[in-house]
Amino acid sequence: MALIQCPECSKNISETADSCPKCGWRLTPEKVLAIKQKQKDQRLGCLVIAAIFIVLIIIVQLSTKNEPSNKEPPKPPNAVVANSPWDGSVSQVKDWLKEHLRDPDSLEFADWSPVVKTANGYRVRVKYRAKNGFGGYEVEERFFTLDEAGNVTDVSEPRPTF
């Protein structure tokens, strides 16, 4: 037994009822079939409208991603390679270490050398402490070579002195 909506008063009534209990509208099998078809068409219409709406949203999303922007491309971050006035650190080296260490949260800096300008970029030495693969702390000292744009191009250990 399904419920249908009375076309006179809009109350939900049983499809097997003889008349609407609220307004008295008479039901016949033909009228019940017509009401069911109308309700089915209304639901189908709502689904079609919803599908069209979803397709339009997807099209708008895809078209805004593929549109060339008239804005200027964002400027690269400041590529100045220099020691920080607060702690002597070099931001590009700090970022590189945080990306390449096993446990970047354990990173502690001990000492920074002044940045030296070379023929093809910059060079700086850093001494730091961080956890190794076994969870123990190790003190490391590395020389970092950076290009003119501030990208780390080489990392090397200091040569032992005897």
N, C-alpha and C. Protein backbone atom coordinates (compact mmCIF):
# COMPACT_ATOMS: atom_id res chain seq x y z
N MET A 1 0.86 -1.16 0.00
CA MET A 1 0.00 0.00 0.00
C MET A 1 0.91 1.23 0.00
N ALA A 2 0.72 2.07 -1.01
CA ALA A 2 1.51 3.28 -1.14
C ALA A 2 0.64 4.49 -0.85
N LEU A 3 1.28 5.56 -0.49
CA LEU A 3 0.57 6.81 -0.26
C LEU A 3 0.67 7.67 -1.50
N ILE A 4 -0.44 8.35 -1.80
CA ILE A 4 -0.46 9.32 -2.89
C ILE A 4 -0.96 10.64 -2.32
N GLN A 5 -0.76 11.69 -3.07
CA GLN A 5 -1.17 13.01 -2.61
C GLN A 5 -2.50 13.38 -3.26
N CYS A 6 -3.44 13.77 -2.44
CA CYS A 6 -4.75 14.17 -2.94
C CYS A 6 -4.58 15.44 -3.78
N PRO A 7 -5.13 15.46 -5.02
CA PRO A 7 -4.97 16.64 -5.85
C PRO A 7 -5.79 17.85 -5.38
N GLU A 8 -6.76 17.63 -4.53
CA GLU A 8 -7.60 18.73 -4.03
C GLU A 8 -7.00 19.41 -2.80
N CYS A 9 -6.63 18.60 -1.79
CA CYS A 9 -6.18 19.20 -0.52
C CYS A 9 -4.70 18.93 -0.21
N SER A 10 -4.01 18.14 -1.03
CA SER A 10 -2.58 17.82 -0.90
C SER A 10 -2.25 16.96 0.31
N LYS A 11 -3.24 16.31 0.92
CA LYS A 11 -2.99 15.41 2.04
C LYS A 11 -2.56 14.05 1.50
N ASN A 12 -1.64 13.38 2.19
CA ASN A 12 -1.24 12.04 1.80
C ASN A 12 -2.33 11.06 2.20
N ILE A 13 -2.75 10.25 1.21
CA ILE A 13 -3.81 9.26 1.47
C ILE A 13 -3.40 7.93 0.85
N SER A 14 -4.04 6.87 1.29
CA SER A 14 -3.76 5.54 0.77
C SER A 14 -4.30 5.43 -0.65
N GLU A 15 -3.56 4.76 -1.50
CA GLU A 15 -4.03 4.57 -2.88
C GLU A 15 -5.22 3.62 -2.96
N THR A 16 -5.48 2.88 -1.89
CA THR A 16 -6.62 1.95 -1.88
C THR A 16 -7.88 2.57 -1.29
N ALA A 17 -7.79 3.82 -0.82
CA ALA A 17 -8.96 4.47 -0.23
C ALA A 17 -9.97 4.82 -1.33
N ASP A 18 -11.27 4.88 -0.94
CA ASP A 18 -12.33 5.26 -1.88
C ASP A 18 -12.39 6.76 -2.08
N SER A 19 -12.06 7.51 -1.03
CA SER A 19 -12.11 8.96 -1.10
C SER A 19 -11.13 9.54 -0.09
N CYS A 20 -10.82 10.81 -0.24
CA CYS A 20 -9.91 11.50 0.67
C CYS A 20 -10.65 11.74 1.99
N PRO A 21 -10.07 11.35 3.12
CA PRO A 21 -10.75 11.55 4.40
C PRO A 21 -10.86 13.03 4.79
N LYS A 22 -10.05 13.87 4.20
CA LYS A 22 -10.08 15.29 4.58
C LYS A 22 -11.10 16.08 3.74
N CYS A 23 -11.03 15.93 2.39
CA CYS A 23 -11.88 16.76 1.54
C CYS A 23 -12.98 15.97 0.84
N GLY A 24 -12.89 14.65 0.85
CA GLY A 24 -13.93 13.83 0.25
C GLY A 24 -13.76 13.58 -1.24
N TRP A 25 -12.66 13.96 -1.81
CA TRP A 25 -12.44 13.75 -3.25
C TRP A 25 -12.46 12.27 -3.55
N ARG A 26 -13.21 11.87 -4.59
CA ARG A 26 -13.41 10.46 -4.93
C ARG A 26 -12.21 9.91 -5.71
N LEU A 27 -11.75 8.75 -5.30
CA LEU A 27 -10.65 8.06 -5.97
C LEU A 27 -11.19 6.94 -6.83
N THR A 28 -10.62 6.83 -8.05
CA THR A 28 -10.89 5.69 -8.91
C THR A 28 -9.54 5.12 -9.31
N PRO A 29 -9.50 3.87 -9.79
CA PRO A 29 -8.21 3.29 -10.20
C PRO A 29 -7.52 4.13 -11.28
N GLU A 30 -8.31 4.72 -12.19
CA GLU A 30 -7.71 5.55 -13.24
C GLU A 30 -7.07 6.81 -12.65
N LYS A 31 -7.78 7.42 -11.69
CA LYS A 31 -7.25 8.62 -11.05
C LYS A 31 -5.98 8.30 -10.26
N VAL A 32 -5.97 7.13 -9.58
CA VAL A 32 -4.79 6.71 -8.81
C VAL A 32 -3.60 6.55 -9.75
N LEU A 33 -3.79 5.89 -10.91
CA LEU A 33 -2.69 5.72 -11.88
C LEU A 33 -2.20 7.07 -12.39
N ALA A 34 -3.13 7.99 -12.67
CA ALA A 34 -2.74 9.31 -13.15
C ALA A 34 -1.94 10.07 -12.09
N ILE A 35 -2.36 9.98 -10.84
CA ILE A 35 -1.64 10.66 -9.75
C ILE A 35 -0.25 10.06 -9.58
N LYS A 36 -0.15 8.72 -9.62
CA LYS A 36 1.15 8.06 -9.47
C LYS A 36 2.09 8.47 -10.61
N GLN A 37 1.57 8.52 -11.84
CA GLN A 37 2.40 8.91 -12.98
C GLN A 37 2.87 10.36 -12.83
N LYS A 38 1.98 11.23 -12.37
CA LYS A 38 2.33 12.64 -12.18
C LYS A 38 3.43 12.77 -11.12
N GLN A 39 3.29 12.03 -10.00
CA GLN A 39 4.31 12.08 -8.94
C GLN A 39 5.64 11.52 -9.44
N LYS A 40 5.57 10.46 -10.25
CA LYS A 40 6.79 9.86 -10.81
C LYS A 40 7.48 10.86 -11.74
N ASP A 41 6.69 11.55 -12.58
CA ASP A 41 7.24 12.55 -13.48
C ASP A 41 7.88 13.70 -12.72
N GLN A 42 7.24 14.11 -11.60
CA GLN A 42 7.80 15.20 -10.80
C GLN A 42 9.14 14.79 -10.19
N ARG A 43 9.23 13.55 -9.68
CA ARG A 43 10.49 13.07 -9.11
C ARG A 43 11.57 12.99 -10.19
N LEU A 44 11.19 12.50 -11.37
CA LEU A 44 12.14 12.40 -12.46
C LEU A 44 12.62 13.79 -12.88
N GLY A 45 11.72 14.75 -12.92
CA GLY A 45 12.09 16.12 -13.26
C GLY A 45 13.07 16.70 -12.25
N CYS A 46 12.82 16.43 -10.97
CA CYS A 46 13.75 16.91 -9.93
C CYS A 46 15.12 16.28 -10.09
N LEU A 47 15.15 14.98 -10.40
CA LEU A 47 16.44 14.30 -10.59
C LEU A 47 17.18 14.87 -11.79
N VAL A 48 16.46 15.14 -12.88
CA VAL A 48 17.10 15.71 -14.06
C VAL A 48 17.67 17.09 -13.75
N ILE A 49 16.91 17.92 -13.06
CA ILE A 49 17.39 19.26 -12.70
C ILE A 49 18.62 19.16 -11.80
N ALA A 50 18.59 18.24 -10.83
CA ALA A 50 19.74 18.07 -9.94
C ALA A 50 20.97 17.60 -10.73
N ALA A 51 20.77 16.66 -11.68
CA ALA A 51 21.89 16.17 -12.48
C ALA A 51 22.48 17.30 -13.34
N ILE A 52 21.61 18.11 -13.93
CA ILE A 52 22.08 19.23 -14.74
C ILE A 52 22.88 20.21 -13.87
N PHE A 53 22.37 20.48 -12.69
CA PHE A 53 23.05 21.38 -11.77
C PHE A 53 24.45 20.86 -11.41
N ILE A 54 24.55 19.57 -11.13
CA ILE A 54 25.85 18.97 -10.78
C ILE A 54 26.81 19.04 -11.97
N VAL A 55 26.30 18.75 -13.17
CA VAL A 55 27.15 18.81 -14.36
C VAL A 55 27.65 20.24 -14.57
N LEU A 56 26.78 21.23 -14.37
CA LEU A 56 27.19 22.63 -14.52
C LEU A 56 28.28 23.00 -13.52
N ILE A 57 28.14 22.54 -12.29
CA ILE A 57 29.16 22.82 -11.27
C ILE A 57 30.50 22.23 -11.69
N ILE A 58 30.48 20.99 -12.20
CA ILE A 58 31.71 20.34 -12.63
C ILE A 58 32.34 21.09 -13.79
N ILE A 59 31.51 21.52 -14.75
CA ILE A 59 32.03 22.26 -15.90
C ILE A 59 32.65 23.57 -15.46
N VAL A 60 32.01 24.28 -14.55
CA VAL A 60 32.56 25.54 -14.06
C VAL A 60 33.89 25.30 -13.35
N GLN A 61 33.95 24.25 -12.53
CA GLN A 61 35.20 23.95 -11.81
C GLN A 61 36.33 23.64 -12.79
N LEU A 62 36.04 22.82 -13.80
CA LEU A 62 37.08 22.46 -14.76
C LEU A 62 37.49 23.65 -15.62
N SER A 63 36.54 24.49 -15.98
CA SER A 63 36.90 25.62 -16.84
C SER A 63 37.71 26.66 -16.09
N THR A 64 37.47 26.83 -14.79
CA THR A 64 38.27 27.81 -14.04
C THR A 64 39.67 27.30 -13.80
N LYS A 65 39.87 25.99 -13.73
CA LYS A 65 41.22 25.46 -13.56
C LYS A 65 42.03 25.62 -14.83
N ASN A 66 41.40 25.53 -15.99
CA ASN A 66 42.12 25.56 -17.26
C ASN A 66 42.24 26.96 -17.85
N GLU A 67 41.57 27.94 -17.26
CA GLU A 67 41.64 29.29 -17.79
C GLU A 67 43.02 29.88 -17.52
N PRO A 68 43.61 30.49 -18.56
CA PRO A 68 44.88 31.17 -18.29
C PRO A 68 44.61 32.40 -17.43
N SER A 69 45.46 32.60 -16.50
CA SER A 69 45.29 33.72 -15.58
C SER A 69 45.91 34.97 -16.19
N ASN A 70 45.20 36.07 -16.11
CA ASN A 70 45.72 37.34 -16.60
C ASN A 70 46.62 38.00 -15.56
N LYS A 71 46.65 37.42 -14.40
CA LYS A 71 47.48 37.97 -13.34
C LYS A 71 48.94 37.63 -13.60
N GLU A 72 49.81 38.43 -13.04
CA GLU A 72 51.23 38.14 -13.14
C GLU A 72 51.53 36.89 -12.32
N PRO A 73 52.47 36.07 -12.80
CA PRO A 73 52.82 34.90 -12.00
C PRO A 73 53.40 35.35 -10.67
N PRO A 74 53.17 34.54 -9.64
CA PRO A 74 53.70 34.95 -8.33
C PRO A 74 55.22 35.05 -8.37
N LYS A 75 55.71 36.02 -7.69
CA LYS A 75 57.15 36.22 -7.64
C LYS A 75 57.76 35.13 -6.76
N PRO A 76 58.93 34.63 -7.14
CA PRO A 76 59.56 33.62 -6.30
C PRO A 76 59.91 34.21 -4.95
N PRO A 77 59.97 33.36 -3.93
CA PRO A 77 60.33 33.89 -2.63
C PRO A 77 61.71 34.53 -2.68
N ASN A 78 61.93 35.40 -1.77
CA ASN A 78 63.19 36.12 -1.72
C ASN A 78 64.34 35.12 -1.67
N ALA A 79 65.13 35.12 -2.73
CA ALA A 79 66.20 34.14 -2.86
C ALA A 79 67.51 34.64 -2.29
N VAL A 80 67.45 35.66 -1.48
CA VAL A 80 68.67 36.18 -0.88
C VAL A 80 69.23 35.13 0.07
N VAL A 81 70.48 34.79 -0.14
CA VAL A 81 71.14 33.82 0.73
C VAL A 81 71.96 34.64 1.72
N ALA A 82 71.51 34.64 2.96
CA ALA A 82 72.20 35.44 3.98
C ALA A 82 71.91 34.84 5.35
N ASN A 83 72.79 35.16 6.28
CA ASN A 83 72.57 34.72 7.66
C ASN A 83 71.47 35.56 8.29
N SER A 84 70.62 34.91 9.06
CA SER A 84 69.56 35.61 9.78
C SER A 84 70.19 36.49 10.86
N PRO A 85 69.69 37.71 11.03
CA PRO A 85 70.24 38.55 12.10
C PRO A 85 69.89 38.05 13.50
N TRP A 86 68.90 37.18 13.62
CA TRP A 86 68.49 36.69 14.95
C TRP A 86 69.33 35.53 15.44
N ASP A 87 69.49 34.51 14.58
CA ASP A 87 70.22 33.32 15.05
C ASP A 87 71.35 32.90 14.13
N GLY A 88 71.60 33.66 13.06
CA GLY A 88 72.70 33.34 12.14
C GLY A 88 72.36 32.25 11.14
N SER A 89 71.14 31.73 11.16
CA SER A 89 70.77 30.63 10.28
C SER A 89 70.56 31.12 8.84
N VAL A 90 70.49 30.16 7.92
CA VAL A 90 70.21 30.43 6.51
C VAL A 90 68.93 29.66 6.19
N SER A 91 67.88 30.37 5.81
CA SER A 91 66.55 29.76 5.67
C SER A 91 66.53 28.62 4.64
N GLN A 92 67.26 28.76 3.54
CA GLN A 92 67.25 27.71 2.52
C GLN A 92 67.86 26.42 3.05
N VAL A 93 68.89 26.53 3.87
CA VAL A 93 69.55 25.35 4.44
C VAL A 93 68.64 24.71 5.49
N LYS A 94 68.00 25.54 6.31
CA LYS A 94 67.06 25.01 7.30
C LYS A 94 65.94 24.23 6.61
N ASP A 95 65.38 24.79 5.54
CA ASP A 95 64.31 24.12 4.82
C ASP A 95 64.80 22.80 4.22
N TRP A 96 66.01 22.81 3.65
CA TRP A 96 66.56 21.60 3.05
C TRP A 96 66.72 20.51 4.11
N LEU A 97 67.28 20.86 5.26
CA LEU A 97 67.48 19.87 6.32
C LEU A 97 66.15 19.31 6.81
N LYS A 98 65.14 20.16 6.97
CA LYS A 98 63.83 19.69 7.44
C LYS A 98 63.19 18.73 6.45
N GLU A 99 63.50 18.88 5.16
CA GLU A 99 62.96 17.97 4.15
C GLU A 99 63.72 16.65 4.09
N HIS A 100 65.00 16.65 4.46
CA HIS A 100 65.84 15.47 4.23
C HIS A 100 66.22 14.68 5.47
N LEU A 101 65.93 15.17 6.65
CA LEU A 101 66.27 14.40 7.86
C LEU A 101 65.19 13.37 8.17
N ARG A 102 65.59 12.30 8.87
CA ARG A 102 64.62 11.27 9.28
C ARG A 102 63.61 11.81 10.27
N ASP A 103 64.07 12.62 11.20
CA ASP A 103 63.20 13.18 12.23
C ASP A 103 63.41 14.69 12.29
N PRO A 104 62.76 15.44 11.39
CA PRO A 104 63.00 16.88 11.34
C PRO A 104 62.60 17.61 12.61
N ASP A 105 61.69 17.03 13.40
CA ASP A 105 61.28 17.67 14.65
C ASP A 105 62.40 17.67 15.69
N SER A 106 63.38 16.77 15.53
CA SER A 106 64.47 16.68 16.50
C SER A 106 65.63 17.62 16.17
N LEU A 107 65.53 18.34 15.07
CA LEU A 107 66.62 19.19 14.59
C LEU A 107 66.88 20.36 15.53
N GLU A 108 68.16 20.49 15.93
CA GLU A 108 68.61 21.61 16.77
C GLU A 108 69.91 22.15 16.16
N PHE A 109 69.98 23.44 15.96
CA PHE A 109 71.17 24.04 15.36
C PHE A 109 72.13 24.50 16.45
N ALA A 110 73.43 24.24 16.21
CA ALA A 110 74.45 24.61 17.19
C ALA A 110 75.28 25.80 16.71
N ASP A 111 75.64 25.81 15.41
CA ASP A 111 76.55 26.85 14.95
C ASP A 111 76.39 27.05 13.45
N TRP A 112 76.47 28.30 13.02
CA TRP A 112 76.41 28.67 11.60
C TRP A 112 77.64 29.51 11.27
N SER A 113 78.24 29.23 10.11
CA SER A 113 79.32 30.10 9.65
C SER A 113 78.70 31.24 8.85
N PRO A 114 79.44 32.30 8.65
CA PRO A 114 78.91 33.36 7.78
C PRO A 114 78.79 32.84 6.34
N VAL A 115 77.78 33.34 5.62
CA VAL A 115 77.61 32.96 4.21
C VAL A 115 78.74 33.58 3.40
N VAL A 116 79.37 32.76 2.56
CA VAL A 116 80.47 33.21 1.72
C VAL A 116 80.01 33.19 0.28
N LYS A 117 80.19 34.31 -0.43
CA LYS A 117 79.85 34.39 -1.85
C LYS A 117 80.97 33.74 -2.64
N THR A 118 80.61 32.81 -3.53
CA THR A 118 81.60 32.14 -4.38
C THR A 118 81.36 32.55 -5.83
N ALA A 119 82.15 31.99 -6.73
CA ALA A 119 82.05 32.35 -8.15
C ALA A 119 80.68 31.96 -8.73
N ASN A 120 80.11 30.86 -8.26
CA ASN A 120 78.85 30.42 -8.85
C ASN A 120 77.71 30.30 -7.82
N GLY A 121 77.83 30.97 -6.70
CA GLY A 121 76.75 30.90 -5.71
C GLY A 121 77.22 31.27 -4.32
N TYR A 122 76.83 30.45 -3.35
CA TYR A 122 77.14 30.73 -1.95
C TYR A 122 77.56 29.44 -1.26
N ARG A 123 78.25 29.63 -0.13
CA ARG A 123 78.67 28.48 0.67
C ARG A 123 78.52 28.84 2.14
N VAL A 124 78.01 27.86 2.93
CA VAL A 124 77.82 28.07 4.36
C VAL A 124 78.03 26.74 5.09
N ARG A 125 78.56 26.84 6.32
CA ARG A 125 78.76 25.65 7.16
C ARG A 125 77.76 25.71 8.30
N VAL A 126 77.21 24.54 8.63
CA VAL A 126 76.27 24.47 9.75
C VAL A 126 76.61 23.24 10.60
N LYS A 127 76.49 23.43 11.89
CA LYS A 127 76.65 22.33 12.83
C LYS A 127 75.29 22.16 13.51
N TYR A 128 74.78 20.94 13.49
CA TYR A 128 73.45 20.68 14.03
C TYR A 128 73.40 19.33 14.73
N ARG A 129 72.34 19.12 15.45
CA ARG A 129 72.12 17.88 16.17
C ARG A 129 70.72 17.38 15.80
N ALA A 130 70.60 16.07 15.51
CA ALA A 130 69.30 15.48 15.15
C ALA A 130 69.33 13.99 15.43
N LYS A 131 68.15 13.42 15.53
CA LYS A 131 68.07 11.97 15.79
C LYS A 131 68.45 11.19 14.54
N ASN A 132 69.16 10.08 14.77
CA ASN A 132 69.50 9.19 13.67
C ASN A 132 68.42 8.11 13.53
N GLY A 133 68.66 7.11 12.70
CA GLY A 133 67.70 6.04 12.46
C GLY A 133 67.40 5.19 13.67
N PHE A 134 68.28 5.20 14.68
CA PHE A 134 68.07 4.40 15.88
C PHE A 134 67.45 5.21 17.01
N GLY A 135 67.19 6.48 16.77
CA GLY A 135 66.58 7.32 17.79
C GLY A 135 67.57 8.06 18.67
N GLY A 136 68.86 7.83 18.43
CA GLY A 136 69.88 8.53 19.20
C GLY A 136 70.27 9.83 18.51
N TYR A 137 70.70 10.79 19.29
CA TYR A 137 71.11 12.07 18.72
C TYR A 137 72.53 11.99 18.19
N GLU A 138 72.76 12.62 17.04
CA GLU A 138 74.09 12.72 16.44
C GLU A 138 74.36 14.18 16.14
N VAL A 139 75.60 14.59 16.34
CA VAL A 139 76.02 15.94 15.97
C VAL A 139 76.68 15.83 14.61
N GLU A 140 76.23 16.64 13.68
CA GLU A 140 76.76 16.62 12.31
C GLU A 140 77.23 18.03 11.94
N GLU A 141 78.20 18.07 11.06
CA GLU A 141 78.67 19.34 10.52
C GLU A 141 78.71 19.17 9.00
N ARG A 142 78.09 20.09 8.27
CA ARG A 142 78.00 19.99 6.82
C ARG A 142 78.27 21.35 6.18
N PHE A 143 78.84 21.28 4.97
CA PHE A 143 78.98 22.46 4.14
C PHE A 143 77.89 22.41 3.08
N PHE A 144 77.19 23.51 2.91
CA PHE A 144 76.13 23.61 1.92
C PHE A 144 76.55 24.60 0.84
N THR A 145 76.38 24.18 -0.41
CA THR A 145 76.62 25.05 -1.55
C THR A 145 75.26 25.37 -2.15
N LEU A 146 75.03 26.66 -2.38
CA LEU A 146 73.75 27.12 -2.93
C LEU A 146 74.01 27.90 -4.21
N ASP A 147 73.09 27.81 -5.16
CA ASP A 147 73.24 28.57 -6.40
C ASP A 147 72.74 30.00 -6.19
N GLU A 148 72.79 30.80 -7.26
CA GLU A 148 72.39 32.21 -7.18
C GLU A 148 70.92 32.37 -6.79
N ALA A 149 70.08 31.37 -7.13
CA ALA A 149 68.65 31.44 -6.82
C ALA A 149 68.34 30.98 -5.40
N GLY A 150 69.35 30.49 -4.69
CA GLY A 150 69.14 30.06 -3.31
C GLY A 150 68.83 28.58 -3.18
N ASN A 151 68.99 27.80 -4.24
CA ASN A 151 68.73 26.36 -4.19
C ASN A 151 69.98 25.63 -3.72
N VAL A 152 69.79 24.65 -2.85
CA VAL A 152 70.93 23.85 -2.37
C VAL A 152 71.37 22.95 -3.51
N THR A 153 72.65 23.07 -3.89
CA THR A 153 73.18 22.27 -5.00
C THR A 153 74.14 21.18 -4.55
N ASP A 154 74.72 21.35 -3.34
CA ASP A 154 75.66 20.33 -2.88
C ASP A 154 75.72 20.38 -1.36
N VAL A 155 75.86 19.19 -0.77
CA VAL A 155 76.05 19.06 0.67
C VAL A 155 77.26 18.16 0.87
N SER A 156 78.23 18.64 1.65
CA SER A 156 79.43 17.84 1.85
C SER A 156 79.87 17.91 3.32
N GLU A 157 80.64 16.90 3.70
CA GLU A 157 81.19 16.84 5.05
C GLU A 157 82.52 17.59 5.05
N PRO A 158 82.90 18.17 6.18
CA PRO A 158 84.20 18.83 6.23
C PRO A 158 85.32 17.80 6.17
N ARG A 159 86.43 18.19 5.59
CA ARG A 159 87.57 17.29 5.50
C ARG A 159 88.22 17.18 6.87
N PRO A 160 88.61 15.97 7.26
CA PRO A 160 89.27 15.83 8.56
C PRO A 160 90.63 16.53 8.58
N THR A 161 90.94 17.08 9.71
CA THR A 161 92.25 17.71 9.88
C THR A 161 93.07 16.87 10.86
N PHE A 162 94.33 16.63 10.52
CA PHE A 162 95.19 15.83 11.39
C PHE A 162 96.34 16.64 11.90
